[in-house]
């Protein structure tokens, strides 16, 4: 939950800030006049900022999840003994720092940075499709239903393309807390071992539940975002505030 809040909060704040910067630099007043390259730059800046800010939270969360699962399995096994109490968020962070230094909080950073392409693909594809559809409409406006389905479709494409890197990132982060800590040694080694031991299917393990969650969340998020943006801008124009047009 904390990871989602940090990720979404940082992403949308930096994204809107980057859009405003690009529009001021190019002296344009409509988001639709931003080029494909502009959209890529904006999404990349927002994505990198999000990764740098949220990776420690996800690393701690992964460690706590693995520890909880290990504790559950141990107590449910005949003859198993109760392990020590689970550590708090801060306690887990300190444990990682003691074991791997402050850099340990950014385990899996490289594949996480590659995953920045996920929102880039999603947002650029969404904006381009939105403009194309709007041009074909008489009033040039998309409905809330259009935004919902566009959000779902673009997230489906982005998640399918980038999911293997999510698997790699998770394996590297689990490494810090798992008992087989020597299993993976860096991104290249992780890719090699997954391909050898599990084949291509290994890179898409757990994809179905991820798609269900991500696609539905993105669909609702984009629908809400476009709805709130439309009415916020209308409210500002009503009172003569702001000059940015969607």
C-alpha atoms as a PDB file:
ATOM      1  CA  UNK A   1       0.000   0.000   0.000  1.00  0.00           C
ATOM      2  CA  UNK A   2       2.779   2.450   0.946  1.00  0.00           C
ATOM      3  CA  UNK A   3       4.659   1.530  -2.220  1.00  0.00           C
ATOM      4  CA  UNK A   4       1.620   2.228  -4.389  1.00  0.00           C
ATOM      5  CA  UNK A   5       1.015   5.588  -2.733  1.00  0.00           C
ATOM      6  CA  UNK A   6       4.646   6.658  -3.133  1.00  0.00           C
ATOM      7  CA  UNK A   7       4.855   5.418  -6.733  1.00  0.00           C
ATOM      8  CA  UNK A   8       1.591   6.962  -7.921  1.00  0.00           C
ATOM      9  CA  UNK A   9       2.124  10.193  -6.007  1.00  0.00           C
ATOM     10  CA  UNK A  10       5.661  10.795  -7.268  1.00  0.00           C
ATOM     11  CA  UNK A  11       4.802   9.750 -10.825  1.00  0.00           C
ATOM     12  CA  UNK A  12       1.800  12.017 -11.317  1.00  0.00           C
ATOM     13  CA  UNK A  13       3.431  14.998  -9.598  1.00  0.00           C
ATOM     14  CA  UNK A  14       6.645  14.753 -11.662  1.00  0.00           C
ATOM     15  CA  UNK A  15       4.696  13.926 -14.843  1.00  0.00           C
ATOM     16  CA  UNK A  16       2.542  17.060 -14.593  1.00  0.00           C
ATOM     17  CA  UNK A  17       5.595  19.144 -13.683  1.00  0.00           C
ATOM     18  CA  UNK A  18       7.514  17.825 -16.713  1.00  0.00           C
ATOM     19  CA  UNK A  19       4.545  18.529 -19.010  1.00  0.00           C
ATOM     20  CA  UNK A  20       4.405  22.130 -17.817  1.00  0.00           C
ATOM     21  CA  UNK A  21       8.162  22.526 -18.318  1.00  0.00           C
ATOM     22  CA  UNK A  22       8.009  21.166 -21.888  1.00  0.00           C
ATOM     23  CA  UNK A  23       5.018  23.367 -22.747  1.00  0.00           C
ATOM     24  CA  UNK A  24       6.749  26.484 -21.421  1.00  0.00           C
ATOM     25  CA  UNK A  25      10.002  25.691 -23.229  1.00  0.00           C
ATOM     26  CA  UNK A  26       8.174  25.112 -26.529  1.00  0.00           C
ATOM     27  CA  UNK A  27       5.670  27.910 -25.912  1.00  0.00           C
ATOM     28  CA  UNK A  28       2.605  25.745 -26.523  1.00  0.00           C
ATOM     29  CA  UNK A  29      -0.736  25.780 -24.684  1.00  0.00           C
ATOM     30  CA  UNK A  30      -2.215  22.408 -25.654  1.00  0.00           C
ATOM     31  CA  UNK A  31      -0.999  19.015 -24.506  1.00  0.00           C
ATOM     32  CA  UNK A  32      -2.124  17.593 -27.857  1.00  0.00           C
ATOM     33  CA  UNK A  33       0.567  19.688 -29.576  1.00  0.00           C
ATOM     34  CA  UNK A  34       3.337  17.900 -27.725  1.00  0.00           C
ATOM     35  CA  UNK A  35       5.309  15.607 -30.003  1.00  0.00           C
ATOM     36  CA  UNK A  36       5.865  11.897 -29.490  1.00  0.00           C
ATOM     37  CA  UNK A  37       9.409  12.679 -28.323  1.00  0.00           C
ATOM     38  CA  UNK A  38       8.046  15.194 -25.804  1.00  0.00           C
ATOM     39  CA  UNK A  39       5.736  12.538 -24.372  1.00  0.00           C
ATOM     40  CA  UNK A  40       8.585  10.038 -24.149  1.00  0.00           C
ATOM     41  CA  UNK A  41      10.824  12.515 -22.322  1.00  0.00           C
ATOM     42  CA  UNK A  42       8.059  13.445 -19.871  1.00  0.00           C
ATOM     43  CA  UNK A  43       7.195   9.821 -19.126  1.00  0.00           C
ATOM     44  CA  UNK A  44      10.882   8.880 -18.780  1.00  0.00           C
ATOM     45  CA  UNK A  45      11.607  11.692 -16.315  1.00  0.00           C
ATOM     46  CA  UNK A  46       8.550  10.791 -14.242  1.00  0.00           C
ATOM     47  CA  UNK A  47       9.383   7.089 -14.367  1.00  0.00           C
ATOM     48  CA  UNK A  48      13.014   7.487 -13.311  1.00  0.00           C
ATOM     49  CA  UNK A  49      12.031   9.772 -10.420  1.00  0.00           C
ATOM     50  CA  UNK A  50       9.444   7.217  -9.308  1.00  0.00           C
ATOM     51  CA  UNK A  51      11.923   4.327  -9.406  1.00  0.00           C
ATOM     52  CA  UNK A  52      14.545   6.194  -7.415  1.00  0.00           C
ATOM     53  CA  UNK A  53      11.996   7.242  -4.795  1.00  0.00           C
ATOM     54  CA  UNK A  54      10.056   3.988  -4.464  1.00  0.00           C
ATOM     55  CA  UNK A  55      12.631   1.191  -4.913  1.00  0.00           C
ATOM     56  CA  UNK A  56      13.633   1.197  -1.205  1.00  0.00           C
ATOM     57  CA  UNK A  57       9.974   0.776  -0.229  1.00  0.00           C
ATOM     58  CA  UNK A  58       9.491  -2.161  -2.620  1.00  0.00           C
ATOM     59  CA  UNK A  59      12.760  -3.778  -1.510  1.00  0.00           C
ATOM     60  CA  UNK A  60      11.685  -3.614   2.138  1.00  0.00           C
ATOM     61  CA  UNK A  61       8.220  -4.880   1.226  1.00  0.00           C
ATOM     62  CA  UNK A  62       9.676  -7.830  -0.686  1.00  0.00           C
ATOM     63  CA  UNK A  63      11.924  -8.759   2.255  1.00  0.00           C
ATOM     64  CA  UNK A  64       8.981  -8.635   4.670  1.00  0.00           C
ATOM     65  CA  UNK A  65       6.802 -10.712   2.328  1.00  0.00           C
ATOM     66  CA  UNK A  66       9.462 -13.412   1.967  1.00  0.00           C
ATOM     67  CA  UNK A  67      10.051 -13.465   5.744  1.00  0.00           C
ATOM     68  CA  UNK A  68       6.324 -13.805   6.409  1.00  0.00           C
ATOM     69  CA  UNK A  69       5.989 -16.686   3.943  1.00  0.00           C
ATOM     70  CA  UNK A  70       9.016 -18.470   5.447  1.00  0.00           C
ATOM     71  CA  UNK A  71       7.587 -18.059   8.941  1.00  0.00           C
ATOM     72  CA  UNK A  72       4.192 -19.417   7.866  1.00  0.00           C
ATOM     73  CA  UNK A  73       5.735 -22.451   6.163  1.00  0.00           C
ATOM     74  CA  UNK A  74       7.940 -23.164   9.179  1.00  0.00           C
ATOM     75  CA  UNK A  75       5.087 -23.120  11.690  1.00  0.00           C
ATOM     76  CA  UNK A  76       2.802 -25.196   9.451  1.00  0.00           C
ATOM     77  CA  UNK A  77       5.401 -27.926   8.947  1.00  0.00           C
ATOM     78  CA  UNK A  78       5.222 -30.842  11.430  1.00  0.00           C
ATOM     79  CA  UNK A  79       7.924 -30.280  14.011  1.00  0.00           C
ATOM     80  CA  UNK A  80       8.440 -26.721  12.849  1.00  0.00           C
ATOM     81  CA  UNK A  81       9.192 -24.098  15.461  1.00  0.00           C
ATOM     82  CA  UNK A  82       7.913 -20.558  15.821  1.00  0.00           C
ATOM     83  CA  UNK A  83      10.440 -18.089  14.424  1.00  0.00           C
ATOM     84  CA  UNK A  84      11.140 -14.669  15.813  1.00  0.00           C
ATOM     85  CA  UNK A  85       8.514 -11.940  15.480  1.00  0.00           C
ATOM     86  CA  UNK A  86       8.315 -10.207  12.166  1.00  0.00           C
ATOM     87  CA  UNK A  87      10.219  -6.934  11.965  1.00  0.00           C
ATOM     88  CA  UNK A  88       8.554  -3.600  11.336  1.00  0.00           C
ATOM     89  CA  UNK A  89       9.116  -1.540   8.192  1.00  0.00           C
ATOM     90  CA  UNK A  90      11.891   0.418   9.888  1.00  0.00           C
ATOM     91  CA  UNK A  91      13.373  -2.712  11.465  1.00  0.00           C
ATOM     92  CA  UNK A  92      13.503  -4.448   8.081  1.00  0.00           C
ATOM     93  CA  UNK A  93      15.147  -1.401   6.508  1.00  0.00           C
ATOM     94  CA  UNK A  94      17.835  -1.373   9.199  1.00  0.00           C
ATOM     95  CA  UNK A  95      18.419  -5.108   8.726  1.00  0.00           C
ATOM     96  CA  UNK A  96      19.007  -4.615   4.984  1.00  0.00           C
ATOM     97  CA  UNK A  97      21.361  -1.695   5.625  1.00  0.00           C
ATOM     98  CA  UNK A  98      23.362  -3.744   8.154  1.00  0.00           C
ATOM     99  CA  UNK A  99      23.696  -6.644   5.696  1.00  0.00           C
ATOM    100  CA  UNK A 100      24.282  -4.817   2.407  1.00  0.00           C
ATOM    101  CA  UNK A 101      24.824  -1.161   3.236  1.00  0.00           C
ATOM    102  CA  UNK A 102      22.561   1.693   2.210  1.00  0.00           C
ATOM    103  CA  UNK A 103      22.796   0.540  -1.425  1.00  0.00           C
ATOM    104  CA  UNK A 104      20.962  -2.635  -0.414  1.00  0.00           C
ATOM    105  CA  UNK A 105      17.731  -0.643  -0.282  1.00  0.00           C
ATOM    106  CA  UNK A 106      18.047  -0.191  -4.043  1.00  0.00           C
ATOM    107  CA  UNK A 107      18.422  -3.910  -4.892  1.00  0.00           C
ATOM    108  CA  UNK A 108      17.125  -4.604  -8.391  1.00  0.00           C
ATOM    109  CA  UNK A 109      17.495  -0.962  -9.411  1.00  0.00           C
ATOM    110  CA  UNK A 110      18.767  -1.709 -12.945  1.00  0.00           C
ATOM    111  CA  UNK A 111      15.785  -3.824 -14.069  1.00  0.00           C
ATOM    112  CA  UNK A 112      13.548  -1.359 -12.222  1.00  0.00           C
ATOM    113  CA  UNK A 113      14.953   1.465 -14.336  1.00  0.00           C
ATOM    114  CA  UNK A 114      14.350  -0.615 -17.453  1.00  0.00           C
ATOM    115  CA  UNK A 115      10.774  -1.013 -16.246  1.00  0.00           C
ATOM    116  CA  UNK A 116      10.440   2.752 -16.633  1.00  0.00           C
ATOM    117  CA  UNK A 117       9.498   1.842 -20.200  1.00  0.00           C
ATOM    118  CA  UNK A 118       6.202   0.433 -18.851  1.00  0.00           C
ATOM    119  CA  UNK A 119       4.553   3.784 -18.088  1.00  0.00           C
ATOM    120  CA  UNK A 120       6.275   5.297 -21.128  1.00  0.00           C
ATOM    121  CA  UNK A 121       4.629   2.738 -23.386  1.00  0.00           C
ATOM    122  CA  UNK A 122       1.341   3.132 -21.554  1.00  0.00           C
ATOM    123  CA  UNK A 123       1.139   6.908 -21.469  1.00  0.00           C
ATOM    124  CA  UNK A 124       2.514   7.562 -24.948  1.00  0.00           C
ATOM    125  CA  UNK A 125       0.215   4.950 -26.456  1.00  0.00           C
ATOM    126  CA  UNK A 126      -2.743   6.322 -24.483  1.00  0.00           C
ATOM    127  CA  UNK A 127      -2.115   9.924 -25.563  1.00  0.00           C
ATOM    128  CA  UNK A 128      -1.571   8.987 -29.208  1.00  0.00           C
ATOM    129  CA  UNK A 129      -4.678   6.792 -29.376  1.00  0.00           C
ATOM    130  CA  UNK A 130      -6.712   9.427 -27.556  1.00  0.00           C
ATOM    131  CA  UNK A 131      -5.751  12.057 -30.124  1.00  0.00           C
ATOM    132  CA  UNK A 132      -6.433   9.714 -33.057  1.00  0.00           C
ATOM    133  CA  UNK A 133      -9.868   8.777 -31.725  1.00  0.00           C
ATOM    134  CA  UNK A 134     -10.743  12.386 -30.879  1.00  0.00           C
ATOM    135  CA  UNK A 135      -9.940  13.468 -34.441  1.00  0.00           C
ATOM    136  CA  UNK A 136     -12.459  10.950 -35.755  1.00  0.00           C
ATOM    137  CA  UNK A 137     -15.206  12.198 -33.459  1.00  0.00           C
ATOM    138  CA  UNK A 138     -17.498  15.017 -34.494  1.00  0.00           C
ATOM    139  CA  UNK A 139     -17.013  16.904 -31.223  1.00  0.00           C
ATOM    140  CA  UNK A 140     -13.435  15.710 -30.842  1.00  0.00           C
ATOM    141  CA  UNK A 141     -14.046  14.445 -27.318  1.00  0.00           C
ATOM    142  CA  UNK A 142     -13.680  11.023 -25.727  1.00  0.00           C
ATOM    143  CA  UNK A 143     -16.252   9.633 -23.337  1.00  0.00           C
ATOM    144  CA  UNK A 144     -15.456   8.235 -19.894  1.00  0.00           C
ATOM    145  CA  UNK A 145     -15.990   4.788 -21.391  1.00  0.00           C
ATOM    146  CA  UNK A 146     -13.392   5.492 -24.078  1.00  0.00           C
ATOM    147  CA  UNK A 147     -10.861   6.508 -21.434  1.00  0.00           C
ATOM    148  CA  UNK A 148     -11.613   3.368 -19.425  1.00  0.00           C
ATOM    149  CA  UNK A 149     -11.016   0.995 -22.330  1.00  0.00           C
ATOM    150  CA  UNK A 150      -8.009   2.928 -23.618  1.00  0.00           C
ATOM    151  CA  UNK A 151      -6.471   2.786 -20.145  1.00  0.00           C
ATOM    152  CA  UNK A 152      -7.081  -0.958 -19.986  1.00  0.00           C
ATOM    153  CA  UNK A 153      -5.702  -1.653 -23.463  1.00  0.00           C
ATOM    154  CA  UNK A 154      -2.556   0.458 -23.097  1.00  0.00           C
ATOM    155  CA  UNK A 155      -1.749  -1.110 -19.722  1.00  0.00           C
ATOM    156  CA  UNK A 156      -2.271  -4.585 -21.188  1.00  0.00           C
ATOM    157  CA  UNK A 157       0.268  -3.862 -23.909  1.00  0.00           C
ATOM    158  CA  UNK A 158       2.779  -2.205 -21.570  1.00  0.00           C
ATOM    159  CA  UNK A 159       2.598  -4.932 -18.916  1.00  0.00           C
ATOM    160  CA  UNK A 160       2.914  -7.794 -21.408  1.00  0.00           C
ATOM    161  CA  UNK A 161       6.002  -6.227 -22.982  1.00  0.00           C
ATOM    162  CA  UNK A 162       7.820  -5.359 -19.746  1.00  0.00           C
ATOM    163  CA  UNK A 163       6.720  -8.159 -17.390  1.00  0.00           C
ATOM    164  CA  UNK A 164       9.941 -10.227 -17.775  1.00  0.00           C
ATOM    165  CA  UNK A 165      11.911  -7.388 -16.183  1.00  0.00           C
ATOM    166  CA  UNK A 166       9.479  -7.337 -13.277  1.00  0.00           C
ATOM    167  CA  UNK A 167      10.234 -11.018 -12.691  1.00  0.00           C
ATOM    168  CA  UNK A 168      13.979 -10.336 -12.820  1.00  0.00           C
ATOM    169  CA  UNK A 169      13.638  -7.402 -10.407  1.00  0.00           C
ATOM    170  CA  UNK A 170      11.625  -9.517  -7.957  1.00  0.00           C
ATOM    171  CA  UNK A 171      14.150 -12.365  -8.041  1.00  0.00           C
ATOM    172  CA  UNK A 172      17.005  -9.963  -7.303  1.00  0.00           C
ATOM    173  CA  UNK A 173      15.136  -8.346  -4.413  1.00  0.00           C
ATOM    174  CA  UNK A 174      14.133 -11.708  -2.928  1.00  0.00           C
ATOM    175  CA  UNK A 175      17.805 -12.592  -3.013  1.00  0.00           C
ATOM    176  CA  UNK A 176      18.430 -10.240  -0.112  1.00  0.00           C
ATOM    177  CA  UNK A 177      16.071 -12.068   2.167  1.00  0.00           C
ATOM    178  CA  UNK A 178      15.817 -15.580   0.830  1.00  0.00           C
ATOM    179  CA  UNK A 179      17.731 -18.544   2.229  1.00  0.00           C
ATOM    180  CA  UNK A 180      19.250 -19.309  -1.191  1.00  0.00           C
ATOM    181  CA  UNK A 181      20.879 -15.877  -1.295  1.00  0.00           C
ATOM    182  CA  UNK A 182      23.576 -16.975  -3.724  1.00  0.00           C
ATOM    183  CA  UNK A 183      21.170 -18.196  -6.375  1.00  0.00           C
ATOM    184  CA  UNK A 184      21.177 -14.997  -8.441  1.00  0.00           C
ATOM    185  CA  UNK A 185      24.184 -12.780  -8.960  1.00  0.00           C
ATOM    186  CA  UNK A 186      23.186  -9.700 -10.923  1.00  0.00           C
ATOM    187  CA  UNK A 187      20.773  -9.088 -13.767  1.00  0.00           C
ATOM    188  CA  UNK A 188      22.627 -11.026 -16.481  1.00  0.00           C
ATOM    189  CA  UNK A 189      23.040 -14.060 -14.233  1.00  0.00           C
ATOM    190  CA  UNK A 190      19.347 -13.926 -13.308  1.00  0.00           C
ATOM    191  CA  UNK A 191      18.247 -13.848 -16.952  1.00  0.00           C
ATOM    192  CA  UNK A 192      20.554 -16.738 -17.800  1.00  0.00           C
ATOM    193  CA  UNK A 193      19.390 -18.948 -14.934  1.00  0.00           C
ATOM    194  CA  UNK A 194      15.676 -18.300 -15.462  1.00  0.00           C
ATOM    195  CA  UNK A 195      16.020 -19.085 -19.178  1.00  0.00           C
ATOM    196  CA  UNK A 196      17.992 -22.262 -18.450  1.00  0.00           C
ATOM    197  CA  UNK A 197      15.886 -23.584 -15.552  1.00  0.00           C
ATOM    198  CA  UNK A 198      12.383 -22.435 -16.529  1.00  0.00           C
ATOM    199  CA  UNK A 199      12.479 -21.463 -20.178  1.00  0.00           C
ATOM    200  CA  UNK A 200      10.588 -18.512 -21.677  1.00  0.00           C
ATOM    201  CA  UNK A 201       7.564 -19.297 -19.487  1.00  0.00           C
ATOM    202  CA  UNK A 202       9.656 -18.466 -16.430  1.00  0.00           C
ATOM    203  CA  UNK A 203       9.781 -14.819 -17.454  1.00  0.00           C
ATOM    204  CA  UNK A 204       5.966 -14.672 -17.446  1.00  0.00           C
ATOM    205  CA  UNK A 205       5.302 -16.566 -14.233  1.00  0.00           C
ATOM    206  CA  UNK A 206       2.410 -14.921 -12.410  1.00  0.00           C
ATOM    207  CA  UNK A 207       1.451 -12.756 -15.395  1.00  0.00           C
ATOM    208  CA  UNK A 208      -2.292 -13.495 -15.306  1.00  0.00           C
ATOM    209  CA  UNK A 209      -3.078 -12.127 -11.818  1.00  0.00           C
ATOM    210  CA  UNK A 210      -0.754  -9.192 -12.511  1.00  0.00           C
ATOM    211  CA  UNK A 211      -2.680  -8.357 -15.675  1.00  0.00           C
ATOM    212  CA  UNK A 212      -6.048  -8.563 -13.928  1.00  0.00           C
ATOM    213  CA  UNK A 213      -4.904  -6.209 -11.176  1.00  0.00           C
ATOM    214  CA  UNK A 214      -2.864  -3.783 -13.307  1.00  0.00           C
ATOM    215  CA  UNK A 215      -5.264  -3.511 -16.227  1.00  0.00           C
ATOM    216  CA  UNK A 216      -8.323  -2.864 -14.063  1.00  0.00           C
ATOM    217  CA  UNK A 217      -6.430  -0.368 -11.888  1.00  0.00           C
ATOM    218  CA  UNK A 218      -5.084   1.496 -14.923  1.00  0.00           C
ATOM    219  CA  UNK A 219      -8.498   1.572 -16.593  1.00  0.00           C
ATOM    220  CA  UNK A 220     -10.144   3.136 -13.536  1.00  0.00           C
ATOM    221  CA  UNK A 221      -7.178   5.439 -12.975  1.00  0.00           C
ATOM    222  CA  UNK A 222      -7.195   6.842 -16.495  1.00  0.00           C
ATOM    223  CA  UNK A 223     -10.949   7.231 -16.490  1.00  0.00           C
ATOM    224  CA  UNK A 224     -10.813   9.136 -13.190  1.00  0.00           C
ATOM    225  CA  UNK A 225      -7.781  11.188 -14.280  1.00  0.00           C
ATOM    226  CA  UNK A 226      -9.392  12.366 -17.515  1.00  0.00           C
ATOM    227  CA  UNK A 227     -12.698  13.042 -15.772  1.00  0.00           C
ATOM    228  CA  UNK A 228     -11.125  15.091 -12.979  1.00  0.00           C
ATOM    229  CA  UNK A 229      -8.796  16.946 -15.363  1.00  0.00           C
ATOM    230  CA  UNK A 230     -11.678  17.905 -17.647  1.00  0.00           C
ATOM    231  CA  UNK A 231     -13.816  19.326 -14.872  1.00  0.00           C
ATOM    232  CA  UNK A 232     -10.906  20.962 -13.055  1.00  0.00           C
ATOM    233  CA  UNK A 233      -9.916  22.843 -16.209  1.00  0.00           C
ATOM    234  CA  UNK A 234     -13.553  23.800 -16.802  1.00  0.00           C
ATOM    235  CA  UNK A 235     -13.743  25.143 -13.257  1.00  0.00           C
ATOM    236  CA  UNK A 236     -10.528  27.150 -13.683  1.00  0.00           C
ATOM    237  CA  UNK A 237     -11.685  28.608 -16.999  1.00  0.00           C
ATOM    238  CA  UNK A 238     -14.997  29.571 -15.414  1.00  0.00           C
ATOM    239  CA  UNK A 239     -13.131  31.806 -12.993  1.00  0.00           C
ATOM    240  CA  UNK A 240     -10.518  32.905 -15.510  1.00  0.00           C
ATOM    241  CA  UNK A 241      -7.699  30.954 -13.847  1.00  0.00           C
ATOM    242  CA  UNK A 242      -5.023  29.218 -15.905  1.00  0.00           C
ATOM    243  CA  UNK A 243      -4.580  29.039 -19.646  1.00  0.00           C
ATOM    244  CA  UNK A 244      -3.566  25.415 -20.242  1.00  0.00           C
ATOM    245  CA  UNK A 245      -5.947  23.478 -22.458  1.00  0.00           C
ATOM    246  CA  UNK A 246      -6.213  19.744 -22.660  1.00  0.00           C
END
